[in-house]
């Protein structure tokens, strides 16, 4: 009888830490997407407005990988006040050859957190200056912490400035960031204070109004915007897109969900404008950063190919380590 491997969050944290291997896994996923042959349908997204919630379903088939994943990812943004995480979910892993269920990864969003942070590192690896040392983080949640950790894997980060609507949470995150070996970590009173003089700016909030304004940007900065993954979200002043080299993770998605959507709605960018995707930059089909003065922006909405890649890595490592609980169907 077929056997399904059940893996929980604790096991998956041990098997798939946020490290360079995870970054390379996600980078390879973007490269494969750029080369073609990937089947990746649009995101199935449903709002649950009554409870300030949403759920996204993402998937992709990647030629050459033995498995593919279907991920269900809820986000309920009032949960922290209830003592619960704002994100949860699981991934179901299927055989690419037979379609049989191979595993259930009950990770409560952990693998999504890892692959999202890894995507930020991929963007910085290709778009931020090689000497980028100062980071501005707008947001204080788990992804803010992970984005910073991921950046330290690919750039010589020594300083971080953190802004959040809650000063207490910003100070807590700044204190925790000290464990990464940074020279200086601090919470600052405004987003502009964080952005001023930063080499890399990361926006990681569920904001519906812009937090990062166009006239704050300085030559040589790189921006990773990863909070706008729904039609109603917006972290970036639409005028920013007129000042930057814009790189989406998936153009078809960012036209509908990302910061590009807001810029199109504001008339800043033509609805039919085309841009090279992050995968195109990874494989060399498009340039990354072209000068030290260039301002770059990566618009990350999250893709199913990332989920299949990280889930396949998790199952391969679980199999090698004889981890997980077998369940006979």
C-alpha atoms as a PDB file:
ATOM      1  CA  UNK A   1       0.000   0.000   0.000  1.00  0.00           C
ATOM      2  CA  UNK A   2       1.200   3.576  -0.654  1.00  0.00           C
ATOM      3  CA  UNK A   3       2.902   5.259   2.275  1.00  0.00           C
ATOM      4  CA  UNK A   4       2.712   8.980   2.997  1.00  0.00           C
ATOM      5  CA  UNK A   5       5.394  10.622   5.122  1.00  0.00           C
ATOM      6  CA  UNK A   6       4.114  13.059   7.739  1.00  0.00           C
ATOM      7  CA  UNK A   7       6.539  15.781   8.782  1.00  0.00           C
ATOM      8  CA  UNK A   8       5.880  18.470  11.375  1.00  0.00           C
ATOM      9  CA  UNK A   9       7.341  21.890  11.957  1.00  0.00           C
ATOM     10  CA  UNK A  10       9.968  20.751  14.474  1.00  0.00           C
ATOM     11  CA  UNK A  11      11.427  18.171  12.086  1.00  0.00           C
ATOM     12  CA  UNK A  12      11.293  20.556   9.139  1.00  0.00           C
ATOM     13  CA  UNK A  13      13.126  23.283  11.060  1.00  0.00           C
ATOM     14  CA  UNK A  14      15.942  20.797  11.660  1.00  0.00           C
ATOM     15  CA  UNK A  15      15.981  19.520   8.081  1.00  0.00           C
ATOM     16  CA  UNK A  16      15.666  22.856   6.246  1.00  0.00           C
ATOM     17  CA  UNK A  17      17.336  25.727   8.111  1.00  0.00           C
ATOM     18  CA  UNK A  18      17.638  29.162   6.552  1.00  0.00           C
ATOM     19  CA  UNK A  19      21.149  28.860   5.168  1.00  0.00           C
ATOM     20  CA  UNK A  20      23.023  29.211   1.884  1.00  0.00           C
ATOM     21  CA  UNK A  21      21.715  25.851   0.706  1.00  0.00           C
ATOM     22  CA  UNK A  22      18.152  27.145   1.062  1.00  0.00           C
ATOM     23  CA  UNK A  23      19.092  30.336  -0.789  1.00  0.00           C
ATOM     24  CA  UNK A  24      20.667  28.302  -3.605  1.00  0.00           C
ATOM     25  CA  UNK A  25      17.596  26.058  -3.752  1.00  0.00           C
ATOM     26  CA  UNK A  26      15.315  29.046  -4.303  1.00  0.00           C
ATOM     27  CA  UNK A  27      17.752  30.669  -6.734  1.00  0.00           C
ATOM     28  CA  UNK A  28      17.740  27.474  -8.807  1.00  0.00           C
ATOM     29  CA  UNK A  29      13.944  27.571  -8.787  1.00  0.00           C
ATOM     30  CA  UNK A  30      13.950  31.077 -10.262  1.00  0.00           C
ATOM     31  CA  UNK A  31      16.513  29.977 -12.846  1.00  0.00           C
ATOM     32  CA  UNK A  32      14.377  27.009 -13.888  1.00  0.00           C
ATOM     33  CA  UNK A  33      11.336  29.265 -14.193  1.00  0.00           C
ATOM     34  CA  UNK A  34      13.275  31.581 -16.498  1.00  0.00           C
ATOM     35  CA  UNK A  35      14.493  28.740 -18.716  1.00  0.00           C
ATOM     36  CA  UNK A  36      10.934  27.593 -19.392  1.00  0.00           C
ATOM     37  CA  UNK A  37       8.941  24.384 -19.114  1.00  0.00           C
ATOM     38  CA  UNK A  38       7.567  25.078 -15.644  1.00  0.00           C
ATOM     39  CA  UNK A  39       3.806  24.720 -15.218  1.00  0.00           C
ATOM     40  CA  UNK A  40       2.694  27.322 -12.667  1.00  0.00           C
ATOM     41  CA  UNK A  41      -0.978  28.323 -12.575  1.00  0.00           C
ATOM     42  CA  UNK A  42      -2.184  31.623 -11.130  1.00  0.00           C
ATOM     43  CA  UNK A  43      -2.519  31.837  -7.358  1.00  0.00           C
ATOM     44  CA  UNK A  44      -5.868  30.785  -5.958  1.00  0.00           C
ATOM     45  CA  UNK A  45      -6.581  33.480  -3.405  1.00  0.00           C
ATOM     46  CA  UNK A  46      -9.550  33.931  -1.103  1.00  0.00           C
ATOM     47  CA  UNK A  47     -10.161  36.766   1.355  1.00  0.00           C
ATOM     48  CA  UNK A  48     -11.868  36.160   4.697  1.00  0.00           C
ATOM     49  CA  UNK A  49     -12.496  39.807   5.467  1.00  0.00           C
ATOM     50  CA  UNK A  50     -14.696  39.207   8.503  1.00  0.00           C
ATOM     51  CA  UNK A  51     -11.655  37.916  10.394  1.00  0.00           C
ATOM     52  CA  UNK A  52      -8.950  39.993   8.644  1.00  0.00           C
ATOM     53  CA  UNK A  53      -7.760  36.822   6.965  1.00  0.00           C
ATOM     54  CA  UNK A  54      -6.891  35.302   3.634  1.00  0.00           C
ATOM     55  CA  UNK A  55      -5.717  32.024   2.171  1.00  0.00           C
ATOM     56  CA  UNK A  56      -3.518  31.462  -0.872  1.00  0.00           C
ATOM     57  CA  UNK A  57      -3.002  28.204  -2.737  1.00  0.00           C
ATOM     58  CA  UNK A  58       0.165  27.943  -4.833  1.00  0.00           C
ATOM     59  CA  UNK A  59       1.737  25.161  -6.847  1.00  0.00           C
ATOM     60  CA  UNK A  60       4.109  24.455  -9.711  1.00  0.00           C
ATOM     61  CA  UNK A  61       5.391  21.479 -11.657  1.00  0.00           C
ATOM     62  CA  UNK A  62       9.123  21.744 -12.335  1.00  0.00           C
ATOM     63  CA  UNK A  63      10.536  19.419 -15.008  1.00  0.00           C
ATOM     64  CA  UNK A  64      13.298  17.257 -13.617  1.00  0.00           C
ATOM     65  CA  UNK A  65      12.120  17.350 -10.001  1.00  0.00           C
ATOM     66  CA  UNK A  66      10.710  14.053  -8.689  1.00  0.00           C
ATOM     67  CA  UNK A  67       7.908  15.755  -6.775  1.00  0.00           C
ATOM     68  CA  UNK A  68       5.703  18.839  -6.850  1.00  0.00           C
ATOM     69  CA  UNK A  69       3.924  20.601  -4.012  1.00  0.00           C
ATOM     70  CA  UNK A  70       0.538  22.194  -3.487  1.00  0.00           C
ATOM     71  CA  UNK A  71       0.694  24.716  -0.667  1.00  0.00           C
ATOM     72  CA  UNK A  72      -2.202  26.098   1.354  1.00  0.00           C
ATOM     73  CA  UNK A  73      -1.148  29.246   3.187  1.00  0.00           C
ATOM     74  CA  UNK A  74      -3.575  31.146   5.450  1.00  0.00           C
ATOM     75  CA  UNK A  75      -2.759  34.579   6.827  1.00  0.00           C
ATOM     76  CA  UNK A  76      -4.919  35.914   9.666  1.00  0.00           C
ATOM     77  CA  UNK A  77      -3.500  39.244  10.748  1.00  0.00           C
ATOM     78  CA  UNK A  78      -5.387  39.699  14.032  1.00  0.00           C
ATOM     79  CA  UNK A  79      -3.895  36.466  15.361  1.00  0.00           C
ATOM     80  CA  UNK A  80      -0.938  37.995  17.246  1.00  0.00           C
ATOM     81  CA  UNK A  81      -3.395  39.736  19.586  1.00  0.00           C
ATOM     82  CA  UNK A  82      -4.827  36.260  20.275  1.00  0.00           C
ATOM     83  CA  UNK A  83      -1.432  34.771  21.015  1.00  0.00           C
ATOM     84  CA  UNK A  84      -1.319  32.986  17.652  1.00  0.00           C
ATOM     85  CA  UNK A  85       0.993  33.370  14.644  1.00  0.00           C
ATOM     86  CA  UNK A  86      -0.428  35.342  11.724  1.00  0.00           C
ATOM     87  CA  UNK A  87       0.512  32.641   9.211  1.00  0.00           C
ATOM     88  CA  UNK A  88       0.094  28.869   9.189  1.00  0.00           C
ATOM     89  CA  UNK A  89      -0.612  26.209   6.597  1.00  0.00           C
ATOM     90  CA  UNK A  90       0.828  23.059   5.057  1.00  0.00           C
ATOM     91  CA  UNK A  91       2.187  21.570   1.849  1.00  0.00           C
ATOM     92  CA  UNK A  92       1.085  18.362   0.153  1.00  0.00           C
ATOM     93  CA  UNK A  93       3.849  16.747  -1.902  1.00  0.00           C
ATOM     94  CA  UNK A  94       2.978  14.553  -4.893  1.00  0.00           C
ATOM     95  CA  UNK A  95       5.043  12.294  -7.135  1.00  0.00           C
ATOM     96  CA  UNK A  96       5.697  14.014 -10.454  1.00  0.00           C
ATOM     97  CA  UNK A  97       5.554  10.614 -12.192  1.00  0.00           C
ATOM     98  CA  UNK A  98       2.416   9.079 -10.715  1.00  0.00           C
ATOM     99  CA  UNK A  99       0.569  11.854  -8.910  1.00  0.00           C
ATOM    100  CA  UNK A 100       0.504   9.791  -5.722  1.00  0.00           C
ATOM    101  CA  UNK A 101       0.779  11.671  -2.449  1.00  0.00           C
ATOM    102  CA  UNK A 102       4.324  11.337  -1.112  1.00  0.00           C
ATOM    103  CA  UNK A 103       4.253  13.568   1.962  1.00  0.00           C
ATOM    104  CA  UNK A 104       2.302  15.981   4.114  1.00  0.00           C
ATOM    105  CA  UNK A 105       4.494  18.824   5.372  1.00  0.00           C
ATOM    106  CA  UNK A 106       2.564  20.254   8.306  1.00  0.00           C
ATOM    107  CA  UNK A 107       4.911  23.147   8.785  1.00  0.00           C
ATOM    108  CA  UNK A 108       2.534  25.923   9.936  1.00  0.00           C
ATOM    109  CA  UNK A 109       4.109  28.180   7.338  1.00  0.00           C
ATOM    110  CA  UNK A 110       7.740  27.486   8.255  1.00  0.00           C
ATOM    111  CA  UNK A 111       8.862  26.448   4.757  1.00  0.00           C
ATOM    112  CA  UNK A 112       7.078  29.466   3.292  1.00  0.00           C
ATOM    113  CA  UNK A 113       8.967  31.682   5.716  1.00  0.00           C
ATOM    114  CA  UNK A 114      12.271  30.098   4.677  1.00  0.00           C
ATOM    115  CA  UNK A 115      11.693  30.280   0.930  1.00  0.00           C
ATOM    116  CA  UNK A 116      10.412  33.865   1.205  1.00  0.00           C
ATOM    117  CA  UNK A 117      13.490  34.987   3.110  1.00  0.00           C
ATOM    118  CA  UNK A 118      15.694  33.054   0.702  1.00  0.00           C
ATOM    119  CA  UNK A 119      14.086  34.897  -2.223  1.00  0.00           C
ATOM    120  CA  UNK A 120      15.047  38.178  -0.563  1.00  0.00           C
ATOM    121  CA  UNK A 121      18.631  36.938  -0.392  1.00  0.00           C
ATOM    122  CA  UNK A 122      18.550  35.955  -4.075  1.00  0.00           C
ATOM    123  CA  UNK A 123      17.309  39.438  -4.973  1.00  0.00           C
ATOM    124  CA  UNK A 124      20.052  41.090  -2.896  1.00  0.00           C
ATOM    125  CA  UNK A 125      22.718  38.768  -4.305  1.00  0.00           C
ATOM    126  CA  UNK A 126      21.937  39.961  -7.836  1.00  0.00           C
ATOM    127  CA  UNK A 127      20.646  43.511  -7.327  1.00  0.00           C
ATOM    128  CA  UNK A 128      22.280  45.029  -4.228  1.00  0.00           C
ATOM    129  CA  UNK A 129      25.782  46.503  -4.311  1.00  0.00           C
ATOM    130  CA  UNK A 130      28.474  43.986  -3.403  1.00  0.00           C
ATOM    131  CA  UNK A 131      29.572  46.193  -0.484  1.00  0.00           C
ATOM    132  CA  UNK A 132      26.062  46.746   0.912  1.00  0.00           C
ATOM    133  CA  UNK A 133      26.452  46.888   4.695  1.00  0.00           C
ATOM    134  CA  UNK A 134      23.512  48.848   6.134  1.00  0.00           C
ATOM    135  CA  UNK A 135      19.965  47.507   6.069  1.00  0.00           C
ATOM    136  CA  UNK A 136      16.647  49.225   6.753  1.00  0.00           C
ATOM    137  CA  UNK A 137      13.819  46.902   7.777  1.00  0.00           C
ATOM    138  CA  UNK A 138      10.256  48.229   7.699  1.00  0.00           C
ATOM    139  CA  UNK A 139       8.253  45.726   9.735  1.00  0.00           C
ATOM    140  CA  UNK A 140       8.769  43.764  12.929  1.00  0.00           C
ATOM    141  CA  UNK A 141       7.293  40.326  12.289  1.00  0.00           C
ATOM    142  CA  UNK A 142       9.011  36.993  11.833  1.00  0.00           C
ATOM    143  CA  UNK A 143       9.666  37.660   8.157  1.00  0.00           C
ATOM    144  CA  UNK A 144      11.466  40.880   9.041  1.00  0.00           C
ATOM    145  CA  UNK A 145      13.834  38.883  11.242  1.00  0.00           C
ATOM    146  CA  UNK A 146      14.332  36.186   8.606  1.00  0.00           C
ATOM    147  CA  UNK A 147      14.901  38.660   5.781  1.00  0.00           C
ATOM    148  CA  UNK A 148      17.705  40.221   7.803  1.00  0.00           C
ATOM    149  CA  UNK A 149      19.250  36.845   8.581  1.00  0.00           C
ATOM    150  CA  UNK A 150      19.088  35.870   4.906  1.00  0.00           C
ATOM    151  CA  UNK A 151      20.793  39.105   3.859  1.00  0.00           C
ATOM    152  CA  UNK A 152      23.735  38.370   6.139  1.00  0.00           C
ATOM    153  CA  UNK A 153      24.319  35.188   4.110  1.00  0.00           C
ATOM    154  CA  UNK A 154      24.931  37.077   0.854  1.00  0.00           C
ATOM    155  CA  UNK A 155      26.134  40.570   1.776  1.00  0.00           C
ATOM    156  CA  UNK A 156      28.585  41.943   4.408  1.00  0.00           C
ATOM    157  CA  UNK A 157      25.851  43.381   6.640  1.00  0.00           C
ATOM    158  CA  UNK A 158      27.115  45.190   9.737  1.00  0.00           C
ATOM    159  CA  UNK A 159      24.266  47.535  10.654  1.00  0.00           C
ATOM    160  CA  UNK A 160      20.462  47.443  10.715  1.00  0.00           C
ATOM    161  CA  UNK A 161      17.833  50.062  11.446  1.00  0.00           C
ATOM    162  CA  UNK A 162      14.337  48.776  12.180  1.00  0.00           C
ATOM    163  CA  UNK A 163      11.030  50.617  12.094  1.00  0.00           C
ATOM    164  CA  UNK A 164       7.637  49.259  13.070  1.00  0.00           C
ATOM    165  CA  UNK A 165       4.313  50.679  14.151  1.00  0.00           C
ATOM    166  CA  UNK A 166       5.071  49.212  17.561  1.00  0.00           C
ATOM    167  CA  UNK A 167       8.262  50.748  18.951  1.00  0.00           C
ATOM    168  CA  UNK A 168       8.445  47.959  21.533  1.00  0.00           C
ATOM    169  CA  UNK A 169       8.428  45.292  18.812  1.00  0.00           C
ATOM    170  CA  UNK A 170      11.032  47.201  16.820  1.00  0.00           C
ATOM    171  CA  UNK A 171      13.303  47.376  19.866  1.00  0.00           C
ATOM    172  CA  UNK A 172      12.779  43.676  20.570  1.00  0.00           C
ATOM    173  CA  UNK A 173      13.734  42.794  17.002  1.00  0.00           C
ATOM    174  CA  UNK A 174      16.756  45.094  17.110  1.00  0.00           C
ATOM    175  CA  UNK A 175      17.926  43.352  20.269  1.00  0.00           C
ATOM    176  CA  UNK A 176      17.422  39.918  18.702  1.00  0.00           C
ATOM    177  CA  UNK A 177      19.319  41.029  15.586  1.00  0.00           C
ATOM    178  CA  UNK A 178      22.384  41.468  17.738  1.00  0.00           C
ATOM    179  CA  UNK A 179      22.775  37.697  17.743  1.00  0.00           C
ATOM    180  CA  UNK A 180      23.679  37.885  14.028  1.00  0.00           C
ATOM    181  CA  UNK A 181      26.970  39.551  14.898  1.00  0.00           C
ATOM    182  CA  UNK A 182      26.060  42.972  13.532  1.00  0.00           C
ATOM    183  CA  UNK A 183      28.048  45.955  14.761  1.00  0.00           C
ATOM    184  CA  UNK A 184      25.011  48.145  15.350  1.00  0.00           C
ATOM    185  CA  UNK A 185      21.311  47.379  15.610  1.00  0.00           C
ATOM    186  CA  UNK A 186      18.725  50.017  16.458  1.00  0.00           C
ATOM    187  CA  UNK A 187      15.028  50.778  16.403  1.00  0.00           C
ATOM    188  CA  UNK A 188      14.223  54.133  14.815  1.00  0.00           C
ATOM    189  CA  UNK A 189      11.156  56.390  15.145  1.00  0.00           C
ATOM    190  CA  UNK A 190      10.120  56.643  11.486  1.00  0.00           C
ATOM    191  CA  UNK A 191      10.411  54.790   8.181  1.00  0.00           C
ATOM    192  CA  UNK A 192      12.367  57.694   6.707  1.00  0.00           C
ATOM    193  CA  UNK A 193      14.905  57.472   9.533  1.00  0.00           C
ATOM    194  CA  UNK A 194      15.396  53.799   8.696  1.00  0.00           C
ATOM    195  CA  UNK A 195      15.787  54.363   4.946  1.00  0.00           C
ATOM    196  CA  UNK A 196      18.169  57.306   5.148  1.00  0.00           C
ATOM    197  CA  UNK A 197      21.675  56.088   4.281  1.00  0.00           C
ATOM    198  CA  UNK A 198      20.659  52.428   3.978  1.00  0.00           C
ATOM    199  CA  UNK A 199      22.178  50.254   1.262  1.00  0.00           C
ATOM    200  CA  UNK A 200      19.308  47.748   1.297  1.00  0.00           C
ATOM    201  CA  UNK A 201      15.690  48.485   2.244  1.00  0.00           C
ATOM    202  CA  UNK A 202      13.268  45.649   2.990  1.00  0.00           C
ATOM    203  CA  UNK A 203       9.535  46.238   3.369  1.00  0.00           C
ATOM    204  CA  UNK A 204       7.820  43.352   5.113  1.00  0.00           C
ATOM    205  CA  UNK A 205       4.376  44.420   6.333  1.00  0.00           C
ATOM    206  CA  UNK A 206       0.700  43.839   5.467  1.00  0.00           C
ATOM    207  CA  UNK A 207       0.309  47.590   4.798  1.00  0.00           C
ATOM    208  CA  UNK A 208      -2.454  48.875   2.534  1.00  0.00           C
ATOM    209  CA  UNK A 209      -0.987  52.394   2.235  1.00  0.00           C
ATOM    210  CA  UNK A 210       2.567  53.285   1.163  1.00  0.00           C
ATOM    211  CA  UNK A 211       5.307  53.249   3.807  1.00  0.00           C
ATOM    212  CA  UNK A 212       8.275  53.960   1.527  1.00  0.00           C
ATOM    213  CA  UNK A 213       8.140  57.246  -0.367  1.00  0.00           C
ATOM    214  CA  UNK A 214       9.832  57.989  -3.684  1.00  0.00           C
ATOM    215  CA  UNK A 215      11.678  61.097  -2.544  1.00  0.00           C
ATOM    216  CA  UNK A 216      13.402  59.163   0.266  1.00  0.00           C
ATOM    217  CA  UNK A 217      15.373  56.949  -2.093  1.00  0.00           C
ATOM    218  CA  UNK A 218      19.078  57.545  -2.582  1.00  0.00           C
ATOM    219  CA  UNK A 219      21.472  56.521  -5.374  1.00  0.00           C
ATOM    220  CA  UNK A 220      22.831  53.006  -4.993  1.00  0.00           C
ATOM    221  CA  UNK A 221      20.041  51.623  -2.842  1.00  0.00           C
ATOM    222  CA  UNK A 222      18.309  48.304  -3.375  1.00  0.00           C
ATOM    223  CA  UNK A 223      14.719  47.750  -2.238  1.00  0.00           C
ATOM    224  CA  UNK A 224      13.111  44.363  -1.635  1.00  0.00           C
ATOM    225  CA  UNK A 225       9.330  44.718  -1.337  1.00  0.00           C
ATOM    226  CA  UNK A 226       7.723  41.492  -0.186  1.00  0.00           C
ATOM    227  CA  UNK A 227       4.584  42.429   1.739  1.00  0.00           C
ATOM    228  CA  UNK A 228       2.198  43.112  -1.143  1.00  0.00           C
ATOM    229  CA  UNK A 229       0.875  39.688  -2.012  1.00  0.00           C
ATOM    230  CA  UNK A 230      -2.822  40.576  -2.201  1.00  0.00           C
ATOM    231  CA  UNK A 231      -4.825  42.963  -4.388  1.00  0.00           C
ATOM    232  CA  UNK A 232      -5.437  45.433  -1.562  1.00  0.00           C
ATOM    233  CA  UNK A 233      -1.890  45.648  -0.180  1.00  0.00           C
ATOM    234  CA  UNK A 234       0.627  48.386  -0.924  1.00  0.00           C
ATOM    235  CA  UNK A 235       3.917  49.233   0.822  1.00  0.00           C
ATOM    236  CA  UNK A 236       5.611  51.367  -1.847  1.00  0.00           C
ATOM    237  CA  UNK A 237       4.724  54.834  -3.133  1.00  0.00           C
ATOM    238  CA  UNK A 238       3.761  54.143  -6.787  1.00  0.00           C
ATOM    239  CA  UNK A 239       6.107  56.982  -7.859  1.00  0.00           C
ATOM    240  CA  UNK A 240       9.021  54.813  -6.730  1.00  0.00           C
ATOM    241  CA  UNK A 241       8.669  52.717  -9.866  1.00  0.00           C
ATOM    242  CA  UNK A 242       9.513  55.746 -11.993  1.00  0.00           C
ATOM    243  CA  UNK A 243      12.873  56.028 -10.203  1.00  0.00           C
ATOM    244  CA  UNK A 244      14.094  52.439 -10.083  1.00  0.00           C
ATOM    245  CA  UNK A 245      15.131  49.445 -12.133  1.00  0.00           C
ATOM    246  CA  UNK A 246      12.140  47.233 -11.438  1.00  0.00           C
ATOM    247  CA  UNK A 247      12.495  43.442 -11.176  1.00  0.00           C
ATOM    248  CA  UNK A 248       9.424  41.262 -10.421  1.00  0.00           C
ATOM    249  CA  UNK A 249       9.518  37.667  -9.264  1.00  0.00           C
ATOM    250  CA  UNK A 250       6.692  36.877 -11.704  1.00  0.00           C
ATOM    251  CA  UNK A 251       5.428  39.708 -13.892  1.00  0.00           C
ATOM    252  CA  UNK A 252       1.946  38.243 -14.356  1.00  0.00           C
ATOM    253  CA  UNK A 253       1.550  38.178 -10.561  1.00  0.00           C
ATOM    254  CA  UNK A 254       2.975  41.589  -9.729  1.00  0.00           C
ATOM    255  CA  UNK A 255       0.627  43.198 -12.242  1.00  0.00           C
ATOM    256  CA  UNK A 256      -2.227  41.854 -10.120  1.00  0.00           C
ATOM    257  CA  UNK A 257      -0.855  41.620  -6.571  1.00  0.00           C
ATOM    258  CA  UNK A 258       2.442  43.430  -6.200  1.00  0.00           C
ATOM    259  CA  UNK A 259       3.703  46.983  -6.097  1.00  0.00           C
ATOM    260  CA  UNK A 260       3.449  47.072  -9.885  1.00  0.00           C
ATOM    261  CA  UNK A 261      -0.333  46.816  -9.556  1.00  0.00           C
ATOM    262  CA  UNK A 262      -0.432  50.038  -7.534  1.00  0.00           C
ATOM    263  CA  UNK A 263       1.845  51.836 -10.005  1.00  0.00           C
ATOM    264  CA  UNK A 264      -0.361  50.759 -12.919  1.00  0.00           C
ATOM    265  CA  UNK A 265      -3.485  51.911 -11.058  1.00  0.00           C
ATOM    266  CA  UNK A 266      -1.838  55.288 -10.386  1.00  0.00           C
ATOM    267  CA  UNK A 267      -0.900  55.721 -14.038  1.00  0.00           C
ATOM    268  CA  UNK A 268       2.833  55.656 -13.275  1.00  0.00           C
ATOM    269  CA  UNK A 269       3.477  52.508 -15.342  1.00  0.00           C
ATOM    270  CA  UNK A 270       1.682  51.363 -18.477  1.00  0.00           C
ATOM    271  CA  UNK A 271      -0.436  48.253 -17.904  1.00  0.00           C
ATOM    272  CA  UNK A 272       1.348  46.486 -20.765  1.00  0.00           C
ATOM    273  CA  UNK A 273       4.892  47.432 -19.787  1.00  0.00           C
ATOM    274  CA  UNK A 274       7.276  44.480 -19.639  1.00  0.00           C
ATOM    275  CA  UNK A 275      10.120  43.873 -17.227  1.00  0.00           C
ATOM    276  CA  UNK A 276      12.777  41.186 -16.914  1.00  0.00           C
ATOM    277  CA  UNK A 277      11.980  38.843 -14.028  1.00  0.00           C
ATOM    278  CA  UNK A 278      14.325  37.865 -11.219  1.00  0.00           C
ATOM    279  CA  UNK A 279      14.922  34.485 -12.855  1.00  0.00           C
ATOM    280  CA  UNK A 280      16.039  36.230 -16.050  1.00  0.00           C
ATOM    281  CA  UNK A 281      18.631  38.111 -14.010  1.00  0.00           C
ATOM    282  CA  UNK A 282      19.764  34.900 -12.283  1.00  0.00           C
ATOM    283  CA  UNK A 283      20.439  33.077 -15.557  1.00  0.00           C
ATOM    284  CA  UNK A 284      22.027  36.084 -17.252  1.00  0.00           C
ATOM    285  CA  UNK A 285      19.264  36.813 -19.746  1.00  0.00           C
ATOM    286  CA  UNK A 286      18.923  40.292 -18.221  1.00  0.00           C
ATOM    287  CA  UNK A 287      21.380  42.489 -16.330  1.00  0.00           C
ATOM    288  CA  UNK A 288      21.256  42.814 -12.577  1.00  0.00           C
ATOM    289  CA  UNK A 289      22.745  45.927 -11.034  1.00  0.00           C
ATOM    290  CA  UNK A 290      24.501  47.916 -13.736  1.00  0.00           C
ATOM    291  CA  UNK A 291      26.155  50.655 -11.665  1.00  0.00           C
ATOM    292  CA  UNK A 292      26.828  51.641  -8.069  1.00  0.00           C
ATOM    293  CA  UNK A 293      24.407  54.581  -8.394  1.00  0.00           C
ATOM    294  CA  UNK A 294      21.491  52.581  -9.799  1.00  0.00           C
ATOM    295  CA  UNK A 295      18.413  52.139  -7.585  1.00  0.00           C
ATOM    296  CA  UNK A 296      16.887  48.669  -7.879  1.00  0.00           C
ATOM    297  CA  UNK A 297      13.609  47.218  -6.631  1.00  0.00           C
ATOM    298  CA  UNK A 298      12.639  43.552  -6.395  1.00  0.00           C
ATOM    299  CA  UNK A 299       8.883  43.010  -6.142  1.00  0.00           C
ATOM    300  CA  UNK A 300       8.389  39.615  -4.482  1.00  0.00           C
ATOM    301  CA  UNK A 301       4.861  38.202  -4.373  1.00  0.00           C
ATOM    302  CA  UNK A 302       5.858  34.562  -3.839  1.00  0.00           C
ATOM    303  CA  UNK A 303       5.695  31.853  -6.478  1.00  0.00           C
ATOM    304  CA  UNK A 304       4.616  28.235  -6.593  1.00  0.00           C
ATOM    305  CA  UNK A 305       7.966  27.221  -8.048  1.00  0.00           C
ATOM    306  CA  UNK A 306       9.615  28.311  -4.800  1.00  0.00           C
ATOM    307  CA  UNK A 307       7.215  26.113  -2.839  1.00  0.00           C
ATOM    308  CA  UNK A 308       7.821  23.040  -4.989  1.00  0.00           C
ATOM    309  CA  UNK A 309      11.585  23.574  -4.758  1.00  0.00           C
ATOM    310  CA  UNK A 310      11.722  23.930  -0.974  1.00  0.00           C
ATOM    311  CA  UNK A 311       9.234  21.092  -0.409  1.00  0.00           C
ATOM    312  CA  UNK A 312      11.241  18.768  -2.658  1.00  0.00           C
ATOM    313  CA  UNK A 313      14.405  19.655  -0.743  1.00  0.00           C
ATOM    314  CA  UNK A 314      12.632  18.949   2.555  1.00  0.00           C
ATOM    315  CA  UNK A 315      11.396  15.532   1.422  1.00  0.00           C
ATOM    316  CA  UNK A 316      14.788  14.555  -0.002  1.00  0.00           C
ATOM    317  CA  UNK A 317      16.476  15.397   3.287  1.00  0.00           C
ATOM    318  CA  UNK A 318      13.778  13.650   5.309  1.00  0.00           C
ATOM    319  CA  UNK A 319      14.204  10.501   3.229  1.00  0.00           C
ATOM    320  CA  UNK A 320      17.989  10.580   3.634  1.00  0.00           C
ATOM    321  CA  UNK A 321      17.620  11.031   7.410  1.00  0.00           C
ATOM    322  CA  UNK A 322      14.754   8.516   7.780  1.00  0.00           C
ATOM    323  CA  UNK A 323      12.781  11.363   9.363  1.00  0.00           C
ATOM    324  CA  UNK A 324       9.036  11.705   9.605  1.00  0.00           C
ATOM    325  CA  UNK A 325       6.163   9.417  10.449  1.00  0.00           C
ATOM    326  CA  UNK A 326       5.013   6.944   7.791  1.00  0.00           C
ATOM    327  CA  UNK A 327       1.257   6.719   7.261  1.00  0.00           C
ATOM    328  CA  UNK A 328      -0.163   3.854   5.222  1.00  0.00           C
ATOM    329  CA  UNK A 329      -3.107   4.991   3.132  1.00  0.00           C
END
